[in-house]
């Protein structure tokens, strides 16, 4: 697999003011979605070493001031049944191994208190999110097992509708959530797992908000008003999330933050096919390689003028729009690092201080900036944990 050029990782820190740099590294910066887990499975990837390609490793997380990151446990929606469960368990095992292997830098976390303890110890908290409810194989006992192994959230669907929840990019089969889907939500509430509505259909989103007894979030979704992707949230959805103390975590993928990029892809569907086919030709069945190659090929097409260049500042536009709709208490960051085409200037975790600099330059207070960087996620986790305690207490 061809490697991306090595990046000058300290540039973002030099670009921002001393006040922004100080605030950034004083804050608990939390990224709620990265696909780096695929590299652990397919590439024998060592999270502790610096790498020339991809977006996440310990050195670059340190340079970017990352305090906690949620690694996605993911497999294709076409993989179902016991095999999907097996693959999920394998990925969970690999994440846990990395936390043990690099215990001086990393610690496995499940709760807000765990993240605070990691911070106090000078370590990065590693959490897990199950990206796709199909991996529980319709079995609440499997869901409970995932929770016991440290999975903090479940993204209800991926790109395909499951047996109990409609996806935003597939044909509906349940008019939102099925009756069993409601049971899944309530069991997640009881277990203290965050319900993630990224990838869910609009109707499923509405059903979740009606059913859930705890706040929910969209772990990696941007604003539909700025970029009309089905995966993004409408203003009404963002408002509804905020009304229930939930969060929208802004996704960095070029096709989810740039209307121009998305329209260029739609105007020439062969480009998407070309990216997918070329990545598969180079990588075979290696999903980690496919994800990284898709990013590289997209950048090649940008260089040839076939797709528009998207700058990292588009992320700030989405943050600002979401804040305008829902205030700063309900917005955060869910990058999709190592799983999508990153905008220019936000290629990896070391670039994250740019966000703090931009928010302060635009007049955001230190308090609101810290909420967006990660404080809101900590509050949501505490709310989810409190709801779980209440439900378990009422059942006794």
Protein backbone atom coordinates (compact mmCIF):
# COMPACT_ATOMS: atom_id res chain seq x y z
CA UNK A 1 0.00 0.00 0.00
CA UNK A 2 1.54 3.36 -0.99
CA UNK A 3 2.20 5.65 1.96
CA UNK A 4 1.13 9.25 2.27
CA UNK A 5 3.95 11.78 2.65
CA UNK A 6 5.18 12.27 6.20
CA UNK A 7 3.54 15.34 7.69
CA UNK A 8 5.15 18.13 9.68
CA UNK A 9 3.12 17.44 12.77
CA UNK A 10 4.16 20.45 14.87
CA UNK A 11 2.96 23.02 12.32
CA UNK A 12 -0.57 23.38 13.80
CA UNK A 13 0.86 24.28 17.20
CA UNK A 14 3.11 26.94 15.70
CA UNK A 15 0.22 28.49 13.77
CA UNK A 16 -1.99 29.24 16.75
CA UNK A 17 -1.55 31.76 19.55
CA UNK A 18 0.12 30.87 22.82
CA UNK A 19 -3.23 31.39 24.56
CA UNK A 20 -4.93 28.91 22.21
CA UNK A 21 -2.14 26.38 22.59
CA UNK A 22 -2.28 26.66 26.40
CA UNK A 23 -6.06 26.24 26.44
CA UNK A 24 -5.99 23.32 24.05
CA UNK A 25 -3.50 21.31 26.08
CA UNK A 26 -5.26 22.20 29.33
CA UNK A 27 -8.55 20.84 27.97
CA UNK A 28 -9.72 17.23 27.76
CA UNK A 29 -9.98 16.83 23.99
CA UNK A 30 -12.28 13.96 23.01
CA UNK A 31 -12.79 12.46 19.54
CA UNK A 32 -15.85 10.23 19.49
CA UNK A 33 -15.12 8.31 16.30
CA UNK A 34 -12.00 6.91 14.61
CA UNK A 35 -11.66 3.80 12.43
CA UNK A 36 -8.08 3.00 13.45
CA UNK A 37 -9.22 -0.38 14.77
CA UNK A 38 -9.17 -1.72 11.21
CA UNK A 39 -5.43 -1.13 11.12
CA UNK A 40 -4.99 -3.26 14.23
CA UNK A 41 -6.80 -6.14 12.54
CA UNK A 42 -5.44 -6.05 9.02
CA UNK A 43 -2.03 -4.39 9.27
CA UNK A 44 -0.48 -5.60 12.51
CA UNK A 45 -0.50 -1.92 13.42
CA UNK A 46 1.28 -0.73 16.56
CA UNK A 47 -0.61 2.22 18.01
CA UNK A 48 2.43 3.29 20.00
CA UNK A 49 4.67 4.02 17.02
CA UNK A 50 4.63 7.05 14.72
CA UNK A 51 3.41 6.21 11.23
CA UNK A 52 3.79 8.10 7.97
CA UNK A 53 0.25 7.39 6.81
CA UNK A 54 -3.15 7.35 8.42
CA UNK A 55 -4.26 9.73 11.16
CA UNK A 56 -3.99 8.12 14.58
CA UNK A 57 -1.09 6.89 16.68
CA UNK A 58 0.18 7.76 20.15
CA UNK A 59 2.84 10.30 19.07
CA UNK A 60 0.38 12.26 16.92
CA UNK A 61 -2.37 12.07 19.54
CA UNK A 62 0.10 13.50 22.05
CA UNK A 63 1.02 16.31 19.64
CA UNK A 64 -2.67 17.01 19.07
CA UNK A 65 -3.52 17.02 22.76
CA UNK A 66 -6.00 14.13 22.53
CA UNK A 67 -7.27 13.17 25.97
CA UNK A 68 -9.71 10.44 24.93
CA UNK A 69 -10.65 8.72 21.69
CA UNK A 70 -13.41 6.27 20.80
CA UNK A 71 -12.18 3.55 18.44
CA UNK A 72 -14.87 2.08 16.19
CA UNK A 73 -15.60 -1.64 16.24
CA UNK A 74 -16.88 -2.09 12.70
CA UNK A 75 -17.55 -4.63 10.01
CA UNK A 76 -19.52 -4.36 6.78
CA UNK A 77 -23.30 -4.54 7.06
CA UNK A 78 -23.22 -7.45 4.62
CA UNK A 79 -21.43 -9.48 7.30
CA UNK A 80 -24.13 -10.71 9.66
CA UNK A 81 -24.94 -13.49 12.13
CA UNK A 82 -22.31 -15.19 14.30
CA UNK A 83 -19.53 -14.08 11.93
CA UNK A 84 -20.32 -10.41 12.62
CA UNK A 85 -20.19 -11.10 16.36
CA UNK A 86 -16.88 -12.94 15.96
CA UNK A 87 -15.31 -10.07 14.05
CA UNK A 88 -16.50 -7.55 16.60
CA UNK A 89 -15.04 -9.60 19.45
CA UNK A 90 -11.72 -9.88 17.64
CA UNK A 91 -11.53 -6.11 17.26
CA UNK A 92 -12.42 -5.54 20.91
CA UNK A 93 -9.63 -7.92 21.88
CA UNK A 94 -7.13 -6.05 19.70
CA UNK A 95 -8.05 -2.66 21.19
CA UNK A 96 -7.66 -4.05 24.69
CA UNK A 97 -4.27 -5.51 23.75
CA UNK A 98 -3.03 -2.12 22.57
CA UNK A 99 -4.09 -0.51 25.85
CA UNK A 100 -2.14 -3.17 27.73
CA UNK A 101 0.89 -3.04 25.41
CA UNK A 102 1.19 0.73 25.78
CA UNK A 103 0.00 1.11 29.35
CA UNK A 104 2.37 4.02 29.93
CA UNK A 105 0.47 6.07 27.33
CA UNK A 106 -2.97 4.46 27.07
CA UNK A 107 -5.65 3.19 29.40
CA UNK A 108 -8.92 1.48 28.55
CA UNK A 109 -11.88 3.58 29.69
CA UNK A 110 -15.64 3.13 29.89
CA UNK A 111 -16.96 6.03 32.00
CA UNK A 112 -16.46 9.77 32.41
CA UNK A 113 -14.66 9.09 35.69
CA UNK A 114 -12.28 6.74 33.82
CA UNK A 115 -11.40 9.57 31.43
CA UNK A 116 -10.73 11.95 34.30
CA UNK A 117 -8.50 9.35 35.97
CA UNK A 118 -6.60 8.82 32.73
CA UNK A 119 -6.06 12.55 32.49
CA UNK A 120 -4.76 12.75 36.04
CA UNK A 121 -2.31 9.93 35.25
CA UNK A 122 -1.10 11.61 32.05
CA UNK A 123 -2.50 8.89 29.82
CA UNK A 124 -4.85 8.87 26.82
CA UNK A 125 -8.20 7.19 27.46
CA UNK A 126 -9.16 4.60 24.86
CA UNK A 127 -12.87 3.85 24.51
CA UNK A 128 -14.84 1.73 22.05
CA UNK A 129 -17.98 2.26 20.01
CA UNK A 130 -19.75 -0.52 18.11
CA UNK A 131 -20.47 0.93 14.66
CA UNK A 132 -23.45 -1.09 13.52
CA UNK A 133 -26.10 -2.91 15.56
CA UNK A 134 -25.96 -5.86 13.17
CA UNK A 135 -22.89 -7.06 15.10
CA UNK A 136 -25.03 -7.99 18.13
CA UNK A 137 -26.89 -10.52 15.93
CA UNK A 138 -30.30 -9.66 17.39
CA UNK A 139 -29.25 -10.92 20.82
CA UNK A 140 -29.44 -8.74 23.93
CA UNK A 141 -27.04 -11.10 25.71
CA UNK A 142 -24.42 -10.25 23.09
CA UNK A 143 -25.10 -6.56 23.70
CA UNK A 144 -24.53 -7.14 27.43
CA UNK A 145 -21.28 -8.95 26.65
CA UNK A 146 -20.08 -6.01 24.56
CA UNK A 147 -20.84 -3.68 27.47
CA UNK A 148 -18.94 -5.92 29.88
CA UNK A 149 -15.90 -5.79 27.58
CA UNK A 150 -15.87 -2.00 27.59
CA UNK A 151 -17.96 -0.91 24.60
CA UNK A 152 -19.32 2.54 25.47
CA UNK A 153 -21.73 3.20 22.61
CA UNK A 154 -23.58 1.46 19.80
CA UNK A 155 -24.21 3.10 16.43
CA UNK A 156 -27.60 1.54 15.69
CA UNK A 157 -26.95 0.96 11.98
CA UNK A 158 -24.16 1.40 9.49
CA UNK A 159 -25.00 1.89 5.82
CA UNK A 160 -27.54 -0.94 5.69
CA UNK A 161 -30.87 -1.35 7.43
CA UNK A 162 -30.65 -3.99 10.13
CA UNK A 163 -33.30 -6.44 11.34
CA UNK A 164 -34.55 -3.81 13.78
CA UNK A 165 -33.49 -0.30 12.67
CA UNK A 166 -33.64 1.61 9.38
CA UNK A 167 -30.46 3.18 8.01
CA UNK A 168 -30.22 6.62 6.43
CA UNK A 169 -28.67 5.21 3.24
CA UNK A 170 -30.83 2.13 2.69
CA UNK A 171 -34.47 1.27 2.06
CA UNK A 172 -36.62 1.42 5.22
CA UNK A 173 -38.01 -1.84 6.53
CA UNK A 174 -39.37 -0.93 9.97
CA UNK A 175 -40.65 2.64 9.65
CA UNK A 176 -37.79 3.61 11.98
CA UNK A 177 -37.26 1.32 14.96
CA UNK A 178 -38.92 -2.08 15.28
CA UNK A 179 -40.37 -3.30 18.58
CA UNK A 180 -37.13 -5.17 19.22
CA UNK A 181 -35.23 -1.98 18.40
CA UNK A 182 -37.07 -0.31 21.28
CA UNK A 183 -35.90 -3.13 23.56
CA UNK A 184 -32.32 -2.55 22.39
CA UNK A 185 -32.51 1.15 23.24
CA UNK A 186 -33.90 0.52 26.71
CA UNK A 187 -31.33 -2.17 27.44
CA UNK A 188 -28.55 0.19 26.36
CA UNK A 189 -30.01 2.79 28.71
CA UNK A 190 -29.94 0.24 31.55
CA UNK A 191 -26.36 -0.76 30.74
CA UNK A 192 -25.13 2.83 30.61
CA UNK A 193 -24.22 2.59 26.92
CA UNK A 194 -24.61 5.70 24.76
CA UNK A 195 -27.15 5.37 21.94
CA UNK A 196 -25.56 6.65 18.71
CA UNK A 197 -27.92 7.88 15.96
CA UNK A 198 -25.28 8.51 13.28
CA UNK A 199 -26.26 6.45 10.20
CA UNK A 200 -29.86 5.97 11.43
CA UNK A 201 -32.78 7.09 9.26
CA UNK A 202 -34.65 10.28 10.16
CA UNK A 203 -37.63 8.25 11.39
CA UNK A 204 -35.41 5.95 13.46
CA UNK A 205 -33.75 9.07 14.89
CA UNK A 206 -37.16 10.40 15.97
CA UNK A 207 -38.15 7.02 17.45
CA UNK A 208 -34.93 6.85 19.48
CA UNK A 209 -35.49 10.28 20.98
CA UNK A 210 -39.01 9.28 21.96
CA UNK A 211 -37.96 5.97 23.50
CA UNK A 212 -34.59 6.64 25.14
CA UNK A 213 -34.52 7.44 28.84
CA UNK A 214 -31.03 8.94 28.53
CA UNK A 215 -29.54 11.58 26.22
CA UNK A 216 -28.19 10.27 22.90
CA UNK A 217 -25.61 11.53 20.43
CA UNK A 218 -24.63 11.43 16.79
CA UNK A 219 -21.01 10.30 17.15
CA UNK A 220 -19.86 11.45 13.70
CA UNK A 221 -22.43 13.49 11.76
CA UNK A 222 -22.24 17.01 10.35
CA UNK A 223 -24.88 19.59 9.36
CA UNK A 224 -27.26 18.82 6.50
CA UNK A 225 -28.02 22.52 5.97
CA UNK A 226 -24.39 23.05 4.87
CA UNK A 227 -23.85 19.71 3.11
CA UNK A 228 -26.97 17.74 2.10
CA UNK A 229 -25.76 14.23 2.89
CA UNK A 230 -28.34 11.82 4.30
CA UNK A 231 -25.77 10.94 6.96
CA UNK A 232 -25.82 14.54 8.26
CA UNK A 233 -28.41 16.00 10.63
CA UNK A 234 -31.02 18.58 9.69
CA UNK A 235 -31.43 21.69 11.82
CA UNK A 236 -34.61 20.19 13.25
CA UNK A 237 -32.75 17.03 14.24
CA UNK A 238 -29.98 19.04 15.91
CA UNK A 239 -32.60 21.02 17.83
CA UNK A 240 -34.35 17.80 18.88
CA UNK A 241 -31.07 16.32 20.11
CA UNK A 242 -30.31 19.44 22.12
CA UNK A 243 -33.78 19.45 23.67
CA UNK A 244 -32.99 16.00 25.11
CA UNK A 245 -29.46 17.06 26.26
CA UNK A 246 -27.86 15.18 23.35
CA UNK A 247 -24.91 16.05 21.11
CA UNK A 248 -23.98 16.35 17.45
CA UNK A 249 -20.31 15.38 16.97
CA UNK A 250 -19.03 16.99 13.77
CA UNK A 251 -17.60 14.59 11.18
CA UNK A 252 -14.51 15.78 9.24
CA UNK A 253 -15.03 13.76 6.01
CA UNK A 254 -14.75 16.02 2.95
CA UNK A 255 -17.98 14.67 1.45
CA UNK A 256 -19.89 15.44 4.66
CA UNK A 257 -18.62 18.99 5.22
CA UNK A 258 -18.38 20.40 1.68
CA UNK A 259 -21.48 20.89 -0.47
CA UNK A 260 -19.21 21.49 -3.49
CA UNK A 261 -17.32 18.24 -2.95
CA UNK A 262 -20.53 16.27 -2.56
CA UNK A 263 -22.12 17.86 -5.63
CA UNK A 264 -19.00 17.10 -7.68
CA UNK A 265 -19.26 13.43 -6.65
CA UNK A 266 -22.97 13.31 -7.48
CA UNK A 267 -22.40 15.01 -10.85
CA UNK A 268 -19.90 12.29 -11.76
CA UNK A 269 -20.86 9.03 -10.00
CA UNK A 270 -18.02 7.28 -11.81
CA UNK A 271 -15.57 9.07 -9.50
CA UNK A 272 -16.92 7.26 -6.44
CA UNK A 273 -16.87 3.97 -8.34
CA UNK A 274 -13.32 4.69 -9.49
CA UNK A 275 -12.18 5.36 -5.93
CA UNK A 276 -13.80 2.18 -4.60
CA UNK A 277 -12.59 -0.06 -7.42
CA UNK A 278 -9.03 1.27 -7.37
CA UNK A 279 -8.85 0.84 -3.59
CA UNK A 280 -10.11 -2.75 -3.87
CA UNK A 281 -7.68 -3.48 -6.71
CA UNK A 282 -4.74 -2.33 -4.59
CA UNK A 283 -5.89 -3.75 -1.26
CA UNK A 284 -7.98 -6.82 -1.93
CA UNK A 285 -10.10 -7.59 1.16
CA UNK A 286 -7.91 -5.54 3.52
CA UNK A 287 -10.47 -2.99 4.79
CA UNK A 288 -7.88 -0.86 6.56
CA UNK A 289 -5.93 -0.52 3.33
CA UNK A 290 -9.12 0.26 1.40
CA UNK A 291 -10.04 3.08 3.77
CA UNK A 292 -6.58 4.69 3.60
CA UNK A 293 -6.31 4.21 -0.15
CA UNK A 294 -9.71 5.83 -0.69
CA UNK A 295 -8.40 8.92 1.09
CA UNK A 296 -5.22 8.93 -1.03
CA UNK A 297 -7.10 8.42 -4.30
CA UNK A 298 -9.58 11.19 -3.45
CA UNK A 299 -6.65 13.55 -2.88
CA UNK A 300 -5.16 12.50 -6.21
CA UNK A 301 -8.45 13.41 -7.91
CA UNK A 302 -8.40 16.78 -6.11
CA UNK A 303 -4.88 17.34 -7.44
CA UNK A 304 -6.11 16.61 -10.97
CA UNK A 305 -8.99 19.07 -10.58
CA UNK A 306 -11.68 16.39 -10.75
CA UNK A 307 -12.83 17.05 -7.18
CA UNK A 308 -12.70 20.37 -5.31
CA UNK A 309 -10.15 20.93 -2.58
CA UNK A 310 -11.74 21.07 0.88
CA UNK A 311 -9.95 22.98 3.65
CA UNK A 312 -10.09 22.12 7.34
CA UNK A 313 -11.89 25.38 8.05
CA UNK A 314 -15.09 23.74 6.73
CA UNK A 315 -15.14 21.84 10.03
CA UNK A 316 -15.38 25.17 11.83
CA UNK A 317 -18.31 26.22 9.62
CA UNK A 318 -20.19 23.11 10.72
CA UNK A 319 -19.31 23.63 14.37
CA UNK A 320 -20.53 27.22 14.17
CA UNK A 321 -23.75 26.24 12.42
CA UNK A 322 -24.52 23.57 15.00
CA UNK A 323 -23.77 26.04 17.82
CA UNK A 324 -26.10 28.56 16.19
CA UNK A 325 -28.87 25.95 16.14
CA UNK A 326 -28.27 24.28 19.51
CA UNK A 327 -25.75 26.41 21.46
CA UNK A 328 -22.27 25.30 22.45
CA UNK A 329 -23.57 22.84 25.06
CA UNK A 330 -24.59 20.35 22.37
CA UNK A 331 -21.70 20.24 19.87
CA UNK A 332 -18.45 18.25 19.73
CA UNK A 333 -15.97 16.45 17.47
CA UNK A 334 -16.25 13.00 15.86
CA UNK A 335 -13.53 13.06 13.22
CA UNK A 336 -13.86 9.73 11.35
CA UNK A 337 -10.05 9.66 11.25
CA UNK A 338 -8.66 6.60 9.43
CA UNK A 339 -12.06 5.95 7.88
CA UNK A 340 -12.72 8.86 5.52
CA UNK A 341 -11.14 11.53 3.30
CA UNK A 342 -9.84 14.22 5.62
CA UNK A 343 -9.86 17.89 4.58
CA UNK A 344 -6.59 19.66 3.88
CA UNK A 345 -4.97 20.86 7.08
CA UNK A 346 -6.72 18.24 9.26
CA UNK A 347 -4.94 15.14 8.04
CA UNK A 348 -4.28 13.63 11.45
CA UNK A 349 -4.72 14.06 15.20
CA UNK A 350 -1.74 16.41 15.48
CA UNK A 351 -3.78 19.03 13.60
CA UNK A 352 -6.52 19.32 16.25
CA UNK A 353 -5.07 22.43 17.97
CA UNK A 354 -6.11 24.37 14.86
CA UNK A 355 -9.74 23.95 15.93
CA UNK A 356 -9.08 25.57 19.30
CA UNK A 357 -7.23 28.43 17.64
CA UNK A 358 -10.05 29.01 15.16
CA UNK A 359 -12.77 29.00 17.82
CA UNK A 360 -10.93 31.50 19.99
CA UNK A 361 -10.22 33.69 16.95
CA UNK A 362 -13.97 33.73 16.24
CA UNK A 363 -14.73 34.95 19.74
CA UNK A 364 -15.76 31.75 21.48
CA UNK A 365 -15.16 31.85 25.22
CA UNK A 366 -12.67 29.48 26.81
CA UNK A 367 -15.56 27.70 28.52
CA UNK A 368 -17.54 27.12 25.31
CA UNK A 369 -14.39 26.05 23.47
CA UNK A 370 -13.63 23.47 26.13
CA UNK A 371 -17.20 22.15 25.94
CA UNK A 372 -16.86 21.62 22.19
CA UNK A 373 -13.42 20.02 22.53
CA UNK A 374 -14.67 17.38 24.95
CA UNK A 375 -16.50 18.77 27.96
CA UNK A 376 -19.89 18.11 26.42
CA UNK A 377 -19.04 14.44 25.91
CA UNK A 378 -18.07 14.08 29.56
CA UNK A 379 -21.38 15.66 30.60
CA UNK A 380 -23.33 13.34 28.27
CA UNK A 381 -21.54 10.30 29.63
CA UNK A 382 -22.36 11.34 33.18
CA UNK A 383 -26.02 11.80 32.22
CA UNK A 384 -26.13 8.36 30.58
CA UNK A 385 -24.49 6.77 33.62
CA UNK A 386 -26.93 8.49 35.98
CA UNK A 387 -29.91 7.30 33.91
CA UNK A 388 -28.57 3.73 34.06
CA UNK A 389 -28.20 3.90 37.84
CA UNK A 390 -31.74 5.20 38.14
CA UNK A 391 -33.17 2.43 35.94
CA UNK A 392 -31.29 -0.28 37.82
CA UNK A 393 -32.35 1.22 41.15
CA UNK A 394 -35.99 1.26 40.14
CA UNK A 395 -35.78 -2.37 39.06
CA UNK A 396 -34.52 -3.54 42.46
